[in-house]
PDB file of N, CA and C in Angstrom:
ATOM      1  N   MET A   1      99.040  75.784  85.893  1.00  0.00           N
ATOM      2  CA  MET A   1     100.479  76.024  85.801  1.00  0.00           C
ATOM      3  C   MET A   1     101.230  74.709  85.988  1.00  0.00           C
ATOM      4  N   ARG A   2     102.332  74.645  85.307  1.00  0.00           N
ATOM      5  CA  ARG A   2     103.206  73.488  85.428  1.00  0.00           C
ATOM      6  C   ARG A   2     104.441  73.869  86.248  1.00  0.00           C
ATOM      7  N   LEU A   3     105.189  72.881  86.661  1.00  0.00           N
ATOM      8  CA  LEU A   3     106.391  73.073  87.464  1.00  0.00           C
ATOM      9  C   LEU A   3     107.326  74.099  86.812  1.00  0.00           C
ATOM     10  N   ASN A   4     107.787  75.044  87.603  1.00  0.00           N
ATOM     11  CA  ASN A   4     108.758  76.073  87.214  1.00  0.00           C
ATOM     12  C   ASN A   4     108.241  77.096  86.208  1.00  0.00           C
ATOM     13  N   GLU A   5     106.941  77.178  86.039  1.00  0.00           N
ATOM     14  CA  GLU A   5     106.389  78.209  85.164  1.00  0.00           C
ATOM     15  C   GLU A   5     106.353  79.541  85.897  1.00  0.00           C
ATOM     16  N   ILE A   6     106.331  80.596  85.132  1.00  0.00           N
ATOM     17  CA  ILE A   6     106.246  81.944  85.678  1.00  0.00           C
ATOM     18  C   ILE A   6     104.844  82.462  85.442  1.00  0.00           C
ATOM     19  N   GLY A   7     104.270  83.127  86.441  1.00  0.00           N
ATOM     20  CA  GLY A   7     102.926  83.653  86.301  1.00  0.00           C
ATOM     21  C   GLY A   7     102.715  84.874  87.165  1.00  0.00           C
ATOM     22  N   ILE A   8     101.563  85.464  87.058  1.00  0.00           N
ATOM     23  CA  ILE A   8     101.174  86.599  87.896  1.00  0.00           C
ATOM     24  C   ILE A   8     100.061  86.118  88.804  1.00  0.00           C
ATOM     25  N   ILE A   9     100.222  86.326  90.111  1.00  0.00           N
ATOM     26  CA  ILE A   9      99.229  85.871  91.076  1.00  0.00           C
ATOM     27  C   ILE A   9      98.819  87.016  91.987  1.00  0.00           C
ATOM     28  N   SER A  10      97.743  86.799  92.703  1.00  0.00           N
ATOM     29  CA  SER A  10      97.293  87.715  93.740  1.00  0.00           C
ATOM     30  C   SER A  10      97.316  86.948  95.048  1.00  0.00           C
ATOM     31  N   VAL A  11      97.941  87.512  96.085  1.00  0.00           N
ATOM     32  CA  VAL A  11      98.074  86.854  97.385  1.00  0.00           C
ATOM     33  C   VAL A  11      97.301  87.652  98.414  1.00  0.00           C
ATOM     34  N   GLU A  12      96.550  86.965  99.254  1.00  0.00           N
ATOM     35  CA  GLU A  12      95.828  87.620 100.342  1.00  0.00           C
ATOM     36  C   GLU A  12      96.389  87.123 101.661  1.00  0.00           C
ATOM     37  N   ALA A  13      96.830  88.040 102.505  1.00  0.00           N
ATOM     38  CA  ALA A  13      97.426  87.692 103.794  1.00  0.00           C
ATOM     39  C   ALA A  13      96.380  87.756 104.902  1.00  0.00           C
ATOM     40  N   GLN A  14      96.622  87.027 105.993  1.00  0.00           N
ATOM     41  CA  GLN A  14      95.710  87.039 107.133  1.00  0.00           C
ATOM     42  C   GLN A  14      95.857  88.301 107.971  1.00  0.00           C
ATOM     43  N   ARG A  15      96.990  88.969 107.851  1.00  0.00           N
ATOM     44  CA  ARG A  15      97.224  90.223 108.574  1.00  0.00           C
ATOM     45  C   ARG A  15      98.009  91.164 107.668  1.00  0.00           C
ATOM     46  N   PRO A  16      98.032  92.445 107.984  1.00  0.00           N
ATOM     47  CA  PRO A  16      98.741  93.401 107.116  1.00  0.00           C
ATOM     48  C   PRO A  16     100.221  93.052 106.966  1.00  0.00           C
ATOM     49  N   LEU A  17     100.738  93.264 105.782  1.00  0.00           N
ATOM     50  CA  LEU A  17     102.148  93.042 105.491  1.00  0.00           C
ATOM     51  C   LEU A  17     102.797  94.367 105.117  1.00  0.00           C
ATOM     52  N   PHE A  18     104.040  94.528 105.472  1.00  0.00           N
ATOM     53  CA  PHE A  18     104.786  95.719 105.108  1.00  0.00           C
ATOM     54  C   PHE A  18     105.739  95.343 103.990  1.00  0.00           C
ATOM     55  N   PHE A  19     105.706  96.096 102.900  1.00  0.00           N
ATOM     56  CA  PHE A  19     106.547  95.784 101.752  1.00  0.00           C
ATOM     57  C   PHE A  19     106.723  97.023 100.891  1.00  0.00           C
ATOM     58  N   ASP A  20     107.647  96.926  99.964  1.00  0.00           N
ATOM     59  CA  ASP A  20     107.875  97.940  98.941  1.00  0.00           C
ATOM     60  C   ASP A  20     107.763  97.253  97.588  1.00  0.00           C
ATOM     61  N   PRO A  21     107.478  97.995  96.534  1.00  0.00           N
ATOM     62  CA  PRO A  21     107.565  97.396  95.205  1.00  0.00           C
ATOM     63  C   PRO A  21     109.000  96.933  94.947  1.00  0.00           C
ATOM     64  N   TYR A  22     109.150  95.826  94.246  1.00  0.00           N
ATOM     65  CA  TYR A  22     110.466  95.246  93.978  1.00  0.00           C
ATOM     66  C   TYR A  22     111.411  96.243  93.311  1.00  0.00           C
ATOM     67  N   LEU A  23     110.880  97.050  92.393  1.00  0.00           N
ATOM     68  CA  LEU A  23     111.741  98.012  91.691  1.00  0.00           C
ATOM     69  C   LEU A  23     112.261  99.111  92.615  1.00  0.00           C
ATOM     70  N   LYS A  24     111.598  99.333  93.742  1.00  0.00           N
ATOM     71  CA  LYS A  24     112.039 100.347  94.708  1.00  0.00           C
ATOM     72  C   LYS A  24     113.028  99.760  95.717  1.00  0.00           C
ATOM     73  N   ASN A  25     112.775  98.518  96.170  1.00  0.00           N
ATOM     74  CA  ASN A  25     113.636  97.905  97.182  1.00  0.00           C
ATOM     75  C   ASN A  25     113.569  96.386  97.019  1.00  0.00           C
ATOM     76  N   ARG A  26     114.635  95.788  96.526  1.00  0.00           N
ATOM     77  CA  ARG A  26     114.641  94.343  96.277  1.00  0.00           C
ATOM     78  C   ARG A  26     114.453  93.529  97.547  1.00  0.00           C
ATOM     79  N   ALA A  27     115.006  93.988  98.659  1.00  0.00           N
ATOM     80  CA  ALA A  27     114.931  93.211  99.903  1.00  0.00           C
ATOM     81  C   ALA A  27     113.509  93.117 100.443  1.00  0.00           C
ATOM     82  N   THR A  28     112.778  94.224 100.401  1.00  0.00           N
ATOM     83  CA  THR A  28     111.421  94.211 100.944  1.00  0.00           C
ATOM     84  C   THR A  28     110.361  94.071  99.852  1.00  0.00           C
ATOM     85  N   GLY A  29     110.793  93.869  98.622  1.00  0.00           N
ATOM     86  CA  GLY A  29     109.868  93.707  97.515  1.00  0.00           C
ATOM     87  C   GLY A  29     109.867  92.306  96.943  1.00  0.00           C
ATOM     88  N   SER A  30     110.505  91.375  97.628  1.00  0.00           N
ATOM     89  CA  SER A  30     110.521  89.984  97.183  1.00  0.00           C
ATOM     90  C   SER A  30     110.082  89.084  98.332  1.00  0.00           C
ATOM     91  N   PHE A  31     109.707  87.851  98.002  1.00  0.00           N
ATOM     92  CA  PHE A  31     109.230  86.937  99.036  1.00  0.00           C
ATOM     93  C   PHE A  31     109.458  85.493  98.608  1.00  0.00           C
ATOM     94  N   ILE A  32     109.374  84.589  99.588  1.00  0.00           N
ATOM     95  CA  ILE A  32     109.348  83.162  99.308  1.00  0.00           C
ATOM     96  C   ILE A  32     108.168  82.571 100.064  1.00  0.00           C
ATOM     97  N   LEU A  33     107.612  81.506  99.532  1.00  0.00           N
ATOM     98  CA  LEU A  33     106.516  80.785 100.182  1.00  0.00           C
ATOM     99  C   LEU A  33     107.054  79.429 100.615  1.00  0.00           C
ATOM    100  N   ILE A  34     106.842  79.093 101.888  1.00  0.00           N
ATOM    101  CA  ILE A  34     107.364  77.850 102.448  1.00  0.00           C
ATOM    102  C   ILE A  34     106.205  77.000 102.933  1.00  0.00           C
ATOM    103  N   ASP A  35     106.205  75.723 102.559  1.00  0.00           N
ATOM    104  CA  ASP A  35     105.186  74.784 103.011  1.00  0.00           C
ATOM    105  C   ASP A  35     105.366  74.560 104.509  1.00  0.00           C
ATOM    106  N   ALA A  36     104.318  74.816 105.285  1.00  0.00           N
ATOM    107  CA  ALA A  36     104.406  74.721 106.747  1.00  0.00           C
ATOM    108  C   ALA A  36     104.630  73.292 107.231  1.00  0.00           C
ATOM    109  N   ILE A  37     104.237  72.307 106.453  1.00  0.00           N
ATOM    110  CA  ILE A  37     104.382  70.910 106.876  1.00  0.00           C
ATOM    111  C   ILE A  37     105.751  70.356 106.506  1.00  0.00           C
ATOM    112  N   THR A  38     106.173  70.555 105.270  1.00  0.00           N
ATOM    113  CA  THR A  38     107.444  69.978 104.812  1.00  0.00           C
ATOM    114  C   THR A  38     108.630  70.918 104.967  1.00  0.00           C
ATOM    115  N   ASN A  39     108.360  72.202 105.216  1.00  0.00           N
ATOM    116  CA  ASN A  39     109.397  73.225 105.326  1.00  0.00           C
ATOM    117  C   ASN A  39     110.162  73.415 104.017  1.00  0.00           C
ATOM    118  N   GLU A  40     109.544  73.041 102.895  1.00  0.00           N
ATOM    119  CA  GLU A  40     110.163  73.210 101.584  1.00  0.00           C
ATOM    120  C   GLU A  40     109.686  74.501 100.944  1.00  0.00           C
ATOM    121  N   THR A  41     110.569  75.123 100.174  1.00  0.00           N
ATOM    122  CA  THR A  41     110.186  76.314  99.425  1.00  0.00           C
ATOM    123  C   THR A  41     109.276  75.886  98.281  1.00  0.00           C
ATOM    124  N   VAL A  42     108.092  76.493  98.212  1.00  0.00           N
ATOM    125  CA  VAL A  42     107.138  76.131  97.160  1.00  0.00           C
ATOM    126  C   VAL A  42     106.936  77.263  96.154  1.00  0.00           C
ATOM    127  N   GLY A  43     107.510  78.417  96.424  1.00  0.00           N
ATOM    128  CA  GLY A  43     107.375  79.511  95.484  1.00  0.00           C
ATOM    129  C   GLY A  43     108.212  80.694  95.904  1.00  0.00           C
ATOM    130  N   ALA A  44     108.430  81.602  94.990  1.00  0.00           N
ATOM    131  CA  ALA A  44     109.153  82.835  95.257  1.00  0.00           C
ATOM    132  C   ALA A  44     108.610  83.884  94.303  1.00  0.00           C
ATOM    133  N   GLY A  45     108.749  85.142  94.663  1.00  0.00           N
ATOM    134  CA  GLY A  45     108.217  86.152  93.785  1.00  0.00           C
ATOM    135  C   GLY A  45     108.692  87.550  94.078  1.00  0.00           C
ATOM    136  N   MET A  46     108.252  88.454  93.225  1.00  0.00           N
ATOM    137  CA  MET A  46     108.528  89.878  93.350  1.00  0.00           C
ATOM    138  C   MET A  46     107.196  90.599  93.461  1.00  0.00           C
ATOM    139  N   ILE A  47     107.132  91.608  94.299  1.00  0.00           N
ATOM    140  CA  ILE A  47     105.916  92.387  94.473  1.00  0.00           C
ATOM    141  C   ILE A  47     105.960  93.563  93.504  1.00  0.00           C
ATOM    142  N   LEU A  48     104.965  93.606  92.616  1.00  0.00           N
ATOM    143  CA  LEU A  48     104.905  94.695  91.654  1.00  0.00           C
ATOM    144  C   LEU A  48     104.247  95.923  92.264  1.00  0.00           C
ATOM    145  N   GLN A  49     103.096  95.722  92.919  1.00  0.00           N
ATOM    146  CA  GLN A  49     102.347  96.827  93.513  1.00  0.00           C
ATOM    147  C   GLN A  49     101.261  96.261  94.413  1.00  0.00           C
ATOM    148  N   PRO A  50     100.798  97.048  95.375  1.00  0.00           N
ATOM    149  CA  PRO A  50      99.677  96.581  96.202  1.00  0.00           C
ATOM    150  C   PRO A  50      98.383  96.660  95.407  1.00  0.00           C
ATOM    151  N   GLN A  51      97.457  95.793  95.740  1.00  0.00           N
ATOM    152  CA  GLN A  51      96.134  95.868  95.140  1.00  0.00           C
ATOM    153  C   GLN A  51      95.337  96.852  95.982  1.00  0.00           C
ATOM    154  N   GLN A  52      94.815  97.888  95.397  1.00  0.00           N
ATOM    155  CA  GLN A  52      94.216  98.995  96.136  1.00  0.00           C
ATOM    156  C   GLN A  52      92.728  98.854  96.428  1.00  0.00           C
ATOM    157  N   THR A  53      92.119  97.696  96.225  1.00  0.00           N
ATOM    158  CA  THR A  53      90.692  97.547  96.494  1.00  0.00           C
ATOM    159  C   THR A  53      90.453  97.478  97.993  1.00  0.00           C
ATOM    160  N   GLY A  54      90.075  98.584  98.551  1.00  0.00           N
ATOM    161  CA  GLY A  54      89.795  98.639  99.983  1.00  0.00           C
ATOM    162  C   GLY A  54      91.035  98.601 100.852  1.00  0.00           C
ATOM    163  N   ALA A  55      92.196  98.571 100.237  1.00  0.00           N
ATOM    164  CA  ALA A  55      93.434  98.509 101.012  1.00  0.00           C
ATOM    165  C   ALA A  55      93.764  99.880 101.569  1.00  0.00           C
ATOM    166  N   ARG A  56      94.429  99.892 102.667  1.00  0.00           N
ATOM    167  CA  ARG A  56      94.869 101.125 103.292  1.00  0.00           C
ATOM    168  C   ARG A  56      96.168 101.548 102.633  1.00  0.00           C
ATOM    169  N   SER A  57      96.304 102.815 102.395  1.00  0.00           N
ATOM    170  CA  SER A  57      97.560 103.304 101.843  1.00  0.00           C
ATOM    171  C   SER A  57      98.032 104.479 102.680  1.00  0.00           C
ATOM    172  N   GLY A  58      99.310 104.743 102.658  1.00  0.00           N
ATOM    173  CA  GLY A  58      99.863 105.852 103.423  1.00  0.00           C
ATOM    174  C   GLY A  58     100.658 105.358 104.621  1.00  0.00           C
ATOM    175  N   LYS A  59     101.218 106.308 105.332  1.00  0.00           N
ATOM    176  CA  LYS A  59     102.056 105.985 106.479  1.00  0.00           C
ATOM    177  C   LYS A  59     101.223 105.708 107.725  1.00  0.00           C
ATOM    178  N   VAL A  60     101.752 104.869 108.590  1.00  0.00           N
ATOM    179  CA  VAL A  60     101.126 104.583 109.877  1.00  0.00           C
ATOM    180  C   VAL A  60     101.582 105.662 110.854  1.00  0.00           C
ATOM    181  N   SER A  61     100.635 106.284 111.533  1.00  0.00           N
ATOM    182  CA  SER A  61     100.991 107.343 112.476  1.00  0.00           C
ATOM    183  C   SER A  61     101.519 106.735 113.777  1.00  0.00           C
ATOM    184  N   SER A  62     102.181 107.546 114.574  1.00  0.00           N
ATOM    185  CA  SER A  62     102.674 107.091 115.872  1.00  0.00           C
ATOM    186  C   SER A  62     101.530 106.610 116.756  1.00  0.00           C
ATOM    187  N   ALA A  63     100.408 107.331 116.740  1.00  0.00           N
ATOM    188  CA  ALA A  63      99.250 106.944 117.555  1.00  0.00           C
ATOM    189  C   ALA A  63      98.697 105.589 117.115  1.00  0.00           C
ATOM    190  N   GLU A  64      98.627 105.353 115.795  1.00  0.00           N
ATOM    191  CA  GLU A  64      98.140 104.063 115.294  1.00  0.00           C
ATOM    192  C   GLU A  64      99.092 102.931 115.680  1.00  0.00           C
ATOM    193  N   ARG A  65     100.390 103.190 115.589  1.00  0.00           N
ATOM    194  CA  ARG A  65     101.381 102.178 115.957  1.00  0.00           C
ATOM    195  C   ARG A  65     101.287 101.857 117.444  1.00  0.00           C
ATOM    196  N   GLU A  66     101.151 102.870 118.282  1.00  0.00           N
ATOM    197  CA  GLU A  66     101.024 102.657 119.726  1.00  0.00           C
ATOM    198  C   GLU A  66      99.761 101.872 120.054  1.00  0.00           C
ATOM    199  N   ALA A  67      98.651 102.187 119.373  1.00  0.00           N
ATOM    200  CA  ALA A  67      97.400 101.472 119.623  1.00  0.00           C
ATOM    201  C   ALA A  67      97.519 100.008 119.207  1.00  0.00           C
ATOM    202  N   ALA A  68      98.187  99.737 118.093  1.00  0.00           N
ATOM    203  CA  ALA A  68      98.337  98.367 117.605  1.00  0.00           C
ATOM    204  C   ALA A  68      99.267  97.545 118.494  1.00  0.00           C
ATOM    205  N   ARG A  69     100.322  98.171 119.009  1.00  0.00           N
ATOM    206  CA  ARG A  69     101.317  97.456 119.813  1.00  0.00           C
ATOM    207  C   ARG A  69     101.058  97.521 121.319  1.00  0.00           C
ATOM    208  N   GLY A  70     100.220  98.449 121.726  1.00  0.00           N
ATOM    209  CA  GLY A  70      99.908  98.551 123.156  1.00  0.00           C
ATOM    210  C   GLY A  70     100.919  99.347 123.958  1.00  0.00           C
ATOM    211  N   HIS A  71     101.858 100.001 123.293  1.00  0.00           N
ATOM    212  CA  HIS A  71     102.850 100.803 124.000  1.00  0.00           C
ATOM    213  C   HIS A  71     103.534 101.752 123.024  1.00  0.00           C
ATOM    214  N   ALA A  72     104.164 102.774 123.575  1.00  0.00           N
ATOM    215  CA  ALA A  72     104.918 103.728 122.762  1.00  0.00           C
ATOM    216  C   ALA A  72     106.296 103.154 122.440  1.00  0.00           C
ATOM    217  N   GLY A  73     106.947 103.733 121.443  1.00  0.00           N
ATOM    218  CA  GLY A  73     108.298 103.322 121.101  1.00  0.00           C
ATOM    219  C   GLY A  73     109.288 103.766 122.170  1.00  0.00           C
ATOM    220  N   LEU A  74     110.416 103.071 122.255  1.00  0.00           N
ATOM    221  CA  LEU A  74     111.414 103.378 123.264  1.00  0.00           C
ATOM    222  C   LEU A  74     112.783 102.957 122.764  1.00  0.00           C
ATOM    223  N   ALA A  75     113.764 103.785 122.977  1.00  0.00           N
ATOM    224  CA  ALA A  75     115.142 103.434 122.636  1.00  0.00           C
ATOM    225  C   ALA A  75     115.947 103.360 123.920  1.00  0.00           C
ATOM    226  N   ILE A  76     116.715 102.296 124.073  1.00  0.00           N
ATOM    227  CA  ILE A  76     117.541 102.110 125.270  1.00  0.00           C
ATOM    228  C   ILE A  76     118.986 101.972 124.814  1.00  0.00           C
ATOM    229  N   ALA A  77     119.863 102.782 125.369  1.00  0.00           N
ATOM    230  CA  ALA A  77     121.291 102.682 125.060  1.00  0.00           C
ATOM    231  C   ALA A  77     121.969 101.976 126.224  1.00  0.00           C
ATOM    232  N   CYS A  78     122.655 100.878 125.925  1.00  0.00           N
ATOM    233  CA  CYS A  78     123.356 100.106 126.961  1.00  0.00           C
ATOM    234  C   CYS A  78     124.836 100.075 126.627  1.00  0.00           C
ATOM    235  N   ARG A  79     125.630 100.207 127.652  1.00  0.00           N
ATOM    236  CA  ARG A  79     127.064 100.175 127.443  1.00  0.00           C
ATOM    237  C   ARG A  79     127.668  99.213 128.452  1.00  0.00           C
ATOM    238  N   GLY A  80     128.307  98.177 127.948  1.00  0.00           N
ATOM    239  CA  GLY A  80     128.967  97.218 128.829  1.00  0.00           C
ATOM    240  C   GLY A  80     130.363  97.692 129.171  1.00  0.00           C
ATOM    241  N   VAL A  81     130.985  97.006 130.099  1.00  0.00           N
ATOM    242  CA  VAL A  81     132.351  97.328 130.474  1.00  0.00           C
ATOM    243  C   VAL A  81     133.278  96.397 129.699  1.00  0.00           C
ATOM    244  N   SER A  82     134.151  96.961 128.893  1.00  0.00           N
ATOM    245  CA  SER A  82     135.054  96.170 128.069  1.00  0.00           C
ATOM    246  C   SER A  82     135.882  95.219 128.914  1.00  0.00           C
ATOM    247  N   GLY A  83     135.859  93.948 128.534  1.00  0.00           N
ATOM    248  CA  GLY A  83     136.659  92.948 129.242  1.00  0.00           C
ATOM    249  C   GLY A  83     135.994  92.391 130.488  1.00  0.00           C
ATOM    250  N   ALA A  84     134.860  92.961 130.905  1.00  0.00           N
ATOM    251  CA  ALA A  84     134.206  92.490 132.126  1.00  0.00           C
ATOM    252  C   ALA A  84     133.193  91.388 131.847  1.00  0.00           C
ATOM    253  N   GLY A  85     132.947  91.095 130.570  1.00  0.00           N
ATOM    254  CA  GLY A  85     132.005  90.039 130.224  1.00  0.00           C
ATOM    255  C   GLY A  85     130.550  90.444 130.378  1.00  0.00           C
ATOM    256  N   LEU A  86     130.280  91.744 130.433  1.00  0.00           N
ATOM    257  CA  LEU A  86     128.904  92.207 130.583  1.00  0.00           C
ATOM    258  C   LEU A  86     128.253  92.301 129.205  1.00  0.00           C
ATOM    259  N   ASP A  87     127.051  91.791 129.096  1.00  0.00           N
ATOM    260  CA  ASP A  87     126.317  91.802 127.836  1.00  0.00           C
ATOM    261  C   ASP A  87     125.051  92.616 128.036  1.00  0.00           C
ATOM    262  N   ALA A  88     124.843  93.623 127.176  1.00  0.00           N
ATOM    263  CA  ALA A  88     123.683  94.499 127.315  1.00  0.00           C
ATOM    264  C   ALA A  88     122.383  93.722 127.197  1.00  0.00           C
ATOM    265  N   GLY A  89     122.299  92.776 126.251  1.00  0.00           N
ATOM    266  CA  GLY A  89     121.084  91.973 126.091  1.00  0.00           C
ATOM    267  C   GLY A  89     120.785  91.158 127.335  1.00  0.00           C
ATOM    268  N   ALA A  90     121.815  90.568 127.934  1.00  0.00           N
ATOM    269  CA  ALA A  90     121.623  89.782 129.146  1.00  0.00           C
ATOM    270  C   ALA A  90     121.188  90.676 130.301  1.00  0.00           C
ATOM    271  N   ALA A  91     121.734  91.881 130.367  1.00  0.00           N
ATOM    272  CA  ALA A  91     121.341  92.814 131.424  1.00  0.00           C
ATOM    273  C   ALA A  91     119.875  93.181 131.301  1.00  0.00           C
ATOM    274  N   LEU A  92     119.394  93.440 130.092  1.00  0.00           N
ATOM    275  CA  LEU A  92     117.983  93.752 129.898  1.00  0.00           C
ATOM    276  C   LEU A  92     117.112  92.555 130.247  1.00  0.00           C
ATOM    277  N   PHE A  93     117.541  91.358 129.856  1.00  0.00           N
ATOM    278  CA  PHE A  93     116.788  90.151 130.164  1.00  0.00           C
ATOM    279  C   PHE A  93     116.674  89.960 131.671  1.00  0.00           C
ATOM    280  N   ASP A  94     117.782  90.191 132.380  1.00  0.00           N
ATOM    281  CA  ASP A  94     117.781  90.051 133.839  1.00  0.00           C
ATOM    282  C   ASP A  94     116.811  91.003 134.516  1.00  0.00           C
ATOM    283  N   HIS A  95     116.519  92.125 133.867  1.00  0.00           N
ATOM    284  CA  HIS A  95     115.595  93.113 134.439  1.00  0.00           C
ATOM    285  C   HIS A  95     114.176  92.947 133.898  1.00  0.00           C
ATOM    286  N   GLY A  96     113.886  91.819 133.262  1.00  0.00           N
ATOM    287  CA  GLY A  96     112.531  91.538 132.817  1.00  0.00           C
ATOM    288  C   GLY A  96     112.155  92.130 131.478  1.00  0.00           C
ATOM    289  N   THR A  97     113.129  92.638 130.751  1.00  0.00           N
ATOM    290  CA  THR A  97     112.848  93.215 129.432  1.00  0.00           C
ATOM    291  C   THR A  97     113.044  92.134 128.393  1.00  0.00           C
ATOM    292  N   ARG A  98     112.106  92.041 127.459  1.00  0.00           N
ATOM    293  CA  ARG A  98     112.265  91.054 126.401  1.00  0.00           C
ATOM    294  C   ARG A  98     112.418  91.770 125.077  1.00  0.00           C
ATOM    295  N   SER A  99     113.149  91.179 124.170  1.00  0.00           N
ATOM    296  CA  SER A  99     113.274  91.765 122.841  1.00  0.00           C
ATOM    297  C   SER A  99     112.278  91.096 121.920  1.00  0.00           C
ATOM    298  N   THR A 100     111.837  91.841 120.881  1.00  0.00           N
ATOM    299  CA  THR A 100     110.896  91.270 119.921  1.00  0.00           C
ATOM    300  C   THR A 100     111.475  91.303 118.541  1.00  0.00           C
TER     301      THR A 100
END
């Protein structure tokens, strides 16, 4: 391939990736490749479909997600006092909670 040519490639990731086909969702169906040394964009593309050779398909169950992450999901609702300068994120941080 020469500079700025268009082609079809196959990409293999070191860990599972979550994506949609580009025609279904442009935001999660496109990607860019960045050189780790120069921090320059070296490519961009659209995902047509997953390659199904030995690939897992289907939804991830709650049990599988908990096993992979080491904990169950949790939702926390925080409400600051208007005008008091209280920040919910800072309050969670102060109590040893980290965001991911």
